[in-house]
Protein backbone atom coordinates (compact mmCIF):
# COMPACT_ATOMS: atom_id res chain seq x y z
CA UNK A 1 -12.31 38.42 61.11
CA UNK A 2 -12.74 34.79 62.13
CA UNK A 3 -16.32 33.63 61.41
CA UNK A 4 -18.15 31.70 64.10
CA UNK A 5 -19.03 28.90 61.68
CA UNK A 6 -15.33 28.37 61.00
CA UNK A 7 -14.62 28.15 64.72
CA UNK A 8 -17.45 25.63 65.14
CA UNK A 9 -15.98 23.52 62.33
CA UNK A 10 -12.62 23.43 64.14
CA UNK A 11 -14.28 22.36 67.39
CA UNK A 12 -16.27 19.64 65.64
CA UNK A 13 -13.11 18.31 64.02
CA UNK A 14 -11.36 18.29 67.40
CA UNK A 15 -14.23 16.24 68.86
CA UNK A 16 -14.01 13.78 65.98
CA UNK A 17 -10.29 13.36 66.47
CA UNK A 18 -10.72 12.93 70.22
CA UNK A 19 -13.52 10.38 69.71
CA UNK A 20 -11.44 8.22 67.41
CA UNK A 21 -8.36 8.59 69.61
CA UNK A 22 -10.31 7.29 72.63
CA UNK A 23 -12.62 4.67 71.12
CA UNK A 24 -10.56 3.47 68.12
CA UNK A 25 -6.93 3.99 69.18
CA UNK A 26 -5.44 1.35 66.86
CA UNK A 27 -7.07 2.83 63.81
CA UNK A 28 -6.27 6.38 64.89
CA UNK A 29 -2.58 5.73 65.44
CA UNK A 30 -2.32 3.54 62.33
CA UNK A 31 -3.52 6.44 60.22
CA UNK A 32 -1.51 8.99 62.23
CA UNK A 33 1.77 7.11 61.82
CA UNK A 34 1.13 6.22 58.20
CA UNK A 35 0.98 9.93 57.44
CA UNK A 36 3.84 11.06 59.72
CA UNK A 37 6.03 7.96 59.80
CA UNK A 38 9.20 9.76 58.72
CA UNK A 39 8.86 12.37 61.48
CA UNK A 40 8.31 9.85 64.29
CA UNK A 41 11.31 9.03 66.48
CA UNK A 42 10.55 5.53 67.75
CA UNK A 43 13.82 5.24 69.69
CA UNK A 44 12.96 8.36 71.67
CA UNK A 45 9.42 7.22 72.44
CA UNK A 46 10.47 3.69 73.40
CA UNK A 47 13.22 5.01 75.67
CA UNK A 48 10.81 5.93 78.44
CA UNK A 49 9.64 9.13 80.06
CA UNK A 50 13.16 10.27 81.01
CA UNK A 51 14.32 9.95 77.41
CA UNK A 52 11.28 11.85 76.15
CA UNK A 53 11.75 14.61 78.75
CA UNK A 54 15.39 14.95 77.75
CA UNK A 55 14.44 15.24 74.08
CA UNK A 56 11.82 17.90 74.86
CA UNK A 57 14.40 19.93 76.81
CA UNK A 58 16.86 19.56 73.95
CA UNK A 59 14.32 20.96 71.47
CA UNK A 60 13.38 23.76 73.89
CA UNK A 61 17.05 24.81 74.09
CA UNK A 62 17.10 25.21 70.30
CA UNK A 63 14.23 27.70 70.56
CA UNK A 64 13.25 29.35 67.30
CA UNK A 65 16.30 27.90 65.56
CA UNK A 66 14.86 24.38 65.78
CA UNK A 67 14.10 22.86 62.38
CA UNK A 68 10.50 22.08 61.45
CA UNK A 69 11.01 18.33 61.99
CA UNK A 70 12.15 18.98 65.56
CA UNK A 71 9.14 21.19 66.23
CA UNK A 72 6.82 18.45 64.96
CA UNK A 73 8.54 15.90 67.20
CA UNK A 74 8.07 18.26 70.13
CA UNK A 75 4.35 18.60 69.42
CA UNK A 76 3.92 14.85 68.96
CA UNK A 77 5.69 14.05 72.19
CA UNK A 78 3.27 16.35 73.99
CA UNK A 79 0.33 14.42 72.49
CA UNK A 80 1.32 11.20 74.15
């Protein structure tokens, strides 16, 4: 059973993340990329929306066989 207090804690954390992402984007992304720097594909992100869409489709074609790094890249590309 998932306690309500636990669910509230998740929602509060989501609001904190959203707040910092909106009002302090430099600090948010500095901390985000300092933690996940090795998983970030800068070439893909800097290539434009067509390049990102192509990469997302490529990962989708892999399906469940995609490695964890590819799944993280897929999730990160959806964030931006």
